[in-house]
Amino acid sequence: QVQLVESGGGLVQPGGSLRLSCLASGSVPSMSDIYYMGWYRQAPGKQRELVAGITDAYTTAYADSVEGRFTISRPVENMVYLHMNSLKPEDTAVYYCTAHAGPVNYWGQGTQVTVSS
């Protein structure tokens, strides 16, 4: 089992920045199986969508809507950051961290990001 805890959400004005953090913890076998970590988001009335992901080889991928504004990083194997710059009102959503370990996808509880003046 792997547990994911997100932090760093909040209220920010348009054009502002936030950094989301996700810490993974759990059993050693499960932790060593993590080959991918990423961030999804879900806005009210919309489906959950991929924001950014990073593999254990540090290959990254981004949604077109955040390319050039958001950066995903993985400073250590069990932590992932999402650096969000030039935030827009349409970035408002609950952001979820995910970790893929073997055949299982784990999810955090989500952290709210609200972009509003």
C-alpha atoms as a PDB file:
ATOM      1  CA  GLN A   1       0.000   0.000   0.000  1.00  0.00           C
ATOM      2  CA  VAL A   2       1.029   3.558  -0.750  1.00  0.00           C
ATOM      3  CA  GLN A   3      -0.426   6.641   0.888  1.00  0.00           C
ATOM      4  CA  LEU A   4      -0.247  10.017  -0.838  1.00  0.00           C
ATOM      5  CA  VAL A   5      -0.614  13.332   0.979  1.00  0.00           C
ATOM      6  CA  GLU A   6      -0.913  16.570  -0.967  1.00  0.00           C
ATOM      7  CA  SER A   7      -0.331  20.081   0.339  1.00  0.00           C
ATOM      8  CA  GLY A   8       0.144  23.602  -0.951  1.00  0.00           C
ATOM      9  CA  GLY A   9      -3.256  24.472  -2.340  1.00  0.00           C
ATOM     10  CA  GLY A  10      -5.030  27.714  -1.615  1.00  0.00           C
ATOM     11  CA  LEU A  11      -6.417  30.948  -2.973  1.00  0.00           C
ATOM     12  CA  VAL A  12      -4.265  32.967  -5.358  1.00  0.00           C
ATOM     13  CA  GLN A  13      -4.873  35.912  -7.652  1.00  0.00           C
ATOM     14  CA  PRO A  14      -4.675  35.550 -11.427  1.00  0.00           C
ATOM     15  CA  GLY A  15      -1.060  35.688 -12.529  1.00  0.00           C
ATOM     16  CA  GLY A  16       0.144  34.343  -9.212  1.00  0.00           C
ATOM     17  CA  SER A  17       2.042  31.188  -8.338  1.00  0.00           C
ATOM     18  CA  LEU A  18       1.640  28.168  -6.106  1.00  0.00           C
ATOM     19  CA  ARG A  19       3.641  25.032  -5.437  1.00  0.00           C
ATOM     20  CA  LEU A  20       1.840  21.785  -4.706  1.00  0.00           C
ATOM     21  CA  SER A  21       3.629  18.979  -2.895  1.00  0.00           C
ATOM     22  CA  CYS A  22       2.844  15.277  -2.726  1.00  0.00           C
ATOM     23  CA  LEU A  23       4.567  12.888  -0.340  1.00  0.00           C
ATOM     24  CA  ALA A  24       4.269   9.136  -0.799  1.00  0.00           C
ATOM     25  CA  SER A  25       4.675   6.732   2.087  1.00  0.00           C
ATOM     26  CA  GLY A  26       3.959   3.079   2.681  1.00  0.00           C
ATOM     27  CA  SER A  27       5.390  -0.394   2.554  1.00  0.00           C
ATOM     28  CA  VAL A  28       8.873  -0.764   1.108  1.00  0.00           C
ATOM     29  CA  PRO A  29       7.889  -3.205  -1.663  1.00  0.00           C
ATOM     30  CA  SER A  30       5.099  -0.914  -2.837  1.00  0.00           C
ATOM     31  CA  MET A  31       7.241   2.224  -2.661  1.00  0.00           C
ATOM     32  CA  SER A  32       9.984   0.637  -4.723  1.00  0.00           C
ATOM     33  CA  ASP A  33       7.412  -0.253  -7.402  1.00  0.00           C
ATOM     34  CA  ILE A  34       6.491   3.395  -8.054  1.00  0.00           C
ATOM     35  CA  TYR A  35       7.416   4.096 -11.673  1.00  0.00           C
ATOM     36  CA  TYR A  36       5.237   7.132 -12.309  1.00  0.00           C
ATOM     37  CA  MET A  37       3.877  10.075 -10.334  1.00  0.00           C
ATOM     38  CA  GLY A  38       1.619  12.797 -11.571  1.00  0.00           C
ATOM     39  CA  TRP A  39      -1.021  15.407 -10.965  1.00  0.00           C
ATOM     40  CA  TYR A  40      -4.618  15.438 -12.142  1.00  0.00           C
ATOM     41  CA  ARG A  41      -7.269  18.052 -11.532  1.00  0.00           C
ATOM     42  CA  GLN A  42     -11.024  18.162 -11.476  1.00  0.00           C
ATOM     43  CA  ALA A  43     -13.062  21.337 -11.789  1.00  0.00           C
ATOM     44  CA  PRO A  44     -16.744  21.464 -10.775  1.00  0.00           C
ATOM     45  CA  GLY A  45     -18.897  19.771 -13.390  1.00  0.00           C
ATOM     46  CA  LYS A  46     -15.915  18.515 -15.375  1.00  0.00           C
ATOM     47  CA  GLN A  47     -14.059  15.248 -15.687  1.00  0.00           C
ATOM     48  CA  ARG A  48     -10.753  14.654 -13.968  1.00  0.00           C
ATOM     49  CA  GLU A  49      -7.916  15.488 -16.351  1.00  0.00           C
ATOM     50  CA  LEU A  50      -4.183  14.917 -16.441  1.00  0.00           C
ATOM     51  CA  VAL A  51      -2.127  18.010 -15.658  1.00  0.00           C
ATOM     52  CA  ALA A  52       1.438  16.691 -15.577  1.00  0.00           C
ATOM     53  CA  GLY A  53       3.341  13.470 -15.016  1.00  0.00           C
ATOM     54  CA  ILE A  54       6.893  12.296 -14.427  1.00  0.00           C
ATOM     55  CA  THR A  55       8.385   8.839 -14.770  1.00  0.00           C
ATOM     56  CA  ASP A  56      11.138   7.231 -12.718  1.00  0.00           C
ATOM     57  CA  ALA A  57      13.428   8.132 -15.637  1.00  0.00           C
ATOM     58  CA  TYR A  58      12.389  11.773 -15.111  1.00  0.00           C
ATOM     59  CA  THR A  59      10.548  11.984 -18.406  1.00  0.00           C
ATOM     60  CA  THR A  60       7.801  14.594 -18.095  1.00  0.00           C
ATOM     61  CA  ALA A  61       4.553  15.291 -19.898  1.00  0.00           C
ATOM     62  CA  TYR A  62       2.089  18.162 -19.628  1.00  0.00           C
ATOM     63  CA  ALA A  63      -1.422  19.010 -20.682  1.00  0.00           C
ATOM     64  CA  ASP A  64      -1.478  21.576 -23.480  1.00  0.00           C
ATOM     65  CA  SER A  65      -3.364  23.983 -21.242  1.00  0.00           C
ATOM     66  CA  VAL A  66      -0.503  24.203 -18.712  1.00  0.00           C
ATOM     67  CA  GLU A  67       2.548  23.740 -20.951  1.00  0.00           C
ATOM     68  CA  GLY A  68       5.047  26.518 -20.269  1.00  0.00           C
ATOM     69  CA  ARG A  69       3.310  27.600 -17.051  1.00  0.00           C
ATOM     70  CA  PHE A  70       3.508  24.503 -14.842  1.00  0.00           C
ATOM     71  CA  THR A  71       6.554  22.403 -14.020  1.00  0.00           C
ATOM     72  CA  ILE A  72       6.567  18.981 -12.393  1.00  0.00           C
ATOM     73  CA  SER A  73       9.611  17.868 -10.471  1.00  0.00           C
ATOM     74  CA  ARG A  74      10.598  14.889  -8.364  1.00  0.00           C
ATOM     75  CA  PRO A  75      13.366  15.851  -5.942  1.00  0.00           C
ATOM     76  CA  VAL A  76      13.388  12.444  -4.285  1.00  0.00           C
ATOM     77  CA  GLU A  77      11.755   9.183  -5.318  1.00  0.00           C
ATOM     78  CA  ASN A  78       8.781   9.521  -2.976  1.00  0.00           C
ATOM     79  CA  MET A  79       7.947  13.188  -3.497  1.00  0.00           C
ATOM     80  CA  VAL A  80       6.626  15.197  -6.413  1.00  0.00           C
ATOM     81  CA  TYR A  81       6.079  18.924  -6.782  1.00  0.00           C
ATOM     82  CA  LEU A  82       3.892  20.887  -9.160  1.00  0.00           C
ATOM     83  CA  HIS A  83       5.157  24.428  -9.639  1.00  0.00           C
ATOM     84  CA  MET A  84       2.321  26.536 -11.027  1.00  0.00           C
ATOM     85  CA  ASN A  85       3.021  29.975 -12.480  1.00  0.00           C
ATOM     86  CA  SER A  86       0.882  32.516 -14.339  1.00  0.00           C
ATOM     87  CA  LEU A  87      -2.228  30.986 -12.844  1.00  0.00           C
ATOM     88  CA  LYS A  88      -5.557  31.604 -14.531  1.00  0.00           C
ATOM     89  CA  PRO A  89      -9.117  31.384 -13.196  1.00  0.00           C
ATOM     90  CA  GLU A  90      -9.610  28.290 -15.375  1.00  0.00           C
ATOM     91  CA  ASP A  91      -6.899  26.531 -13.337  1.00  0.00           C
ATOM     92  CA  THR A  92      -9.322  26.476 -10.403  1.00  0.00           C
ATOM     93  CA  ALA A  93      -9.883  22.839  -9.435  1.00  0.00           C
ATOM     94  CA  VAL A  94      -9.153  20.148  -6.902  1.00  0.00           C
ATOM     95  CA  TYR A  95      -5.673  18.823  -7.679  1.00  0.00           C
ATOM     96  CA  TYR A  96      -4.946  15.152  -7.052  1.00  0.00           C
ATOM     97  CA  CYS A  97      -1.608  13.421  -6.798  1.00  0.00           C
ATOM     98  CA  THR A  98      -1.290   9.942  -8.253  1.00  0.00           C
ATOM     99  CA  ALA A  99       1.381   7.257  -8.054  1.00  0.00           C
ATOM    100  CA  HIS A 100       1.535   4.173 -10.216  1.00  0.00           C
ATOM    101  CA  ALA A 101       3.148   1.234  -8.436  1.00  0.00           C
ATOM    102  CA  GLY A 102       3.108  -2.046 -10.305  1.00  0.00           C
ATOM    103  CA  PRO A 103      -0.470  -2.698 -11.418  1.00  0.00           C
ATOM    104  CA  VAL A 104      -2.015  -0.317  -8.868  1.00  0.00           C
ATOM    105  CA  ASN A 105      -2.755   3.406  -9.193  1.00  0.00           C
ATOM    106  CA  TYR A 106      -2.890   5.271  -5.889  1.00  0.00           C
ATOM    107  CA  TRP A 107      -4.562   8.635  -5.316  1.00  0.00           C
ATOM    108  CA  GLY A 108      -4.291  11.363  -2.732  1.00  0.00           C
ATOM    109  CA  GLN A 109      -7.255  13.095  -1.149  1.00  0.00           C
ATOM    110  CA  GLY A 110      -6.864  16.231  -3.250  1.00  0.00           C
ATOM    111  CA  THR A 111      -6.029  19.848  -2.538  1.00  0.00           C
ATOM    112  CA  GLN A 112      -8.130  22.819  -3.632  1.00  0.00           C
ATOM    113  CA  VAL A 113      -6.599  25.503  -5.840  1.00  0.00           C
ATOM    114  CA  THR A 114      -8.700  28.608  -6.402  1.00  0.00           C
ATOM    115  CA  VAL A 115      -7.563  31.364  -8.755  1.00  0.00           C
ATOM    116  CA  SER A 116      -9.634  34.473  -8.250  1.00  0.00           C
ATOM    117  CA  SER A 117      -9.295  38.195  -7.739  1.00  0.00           C
END
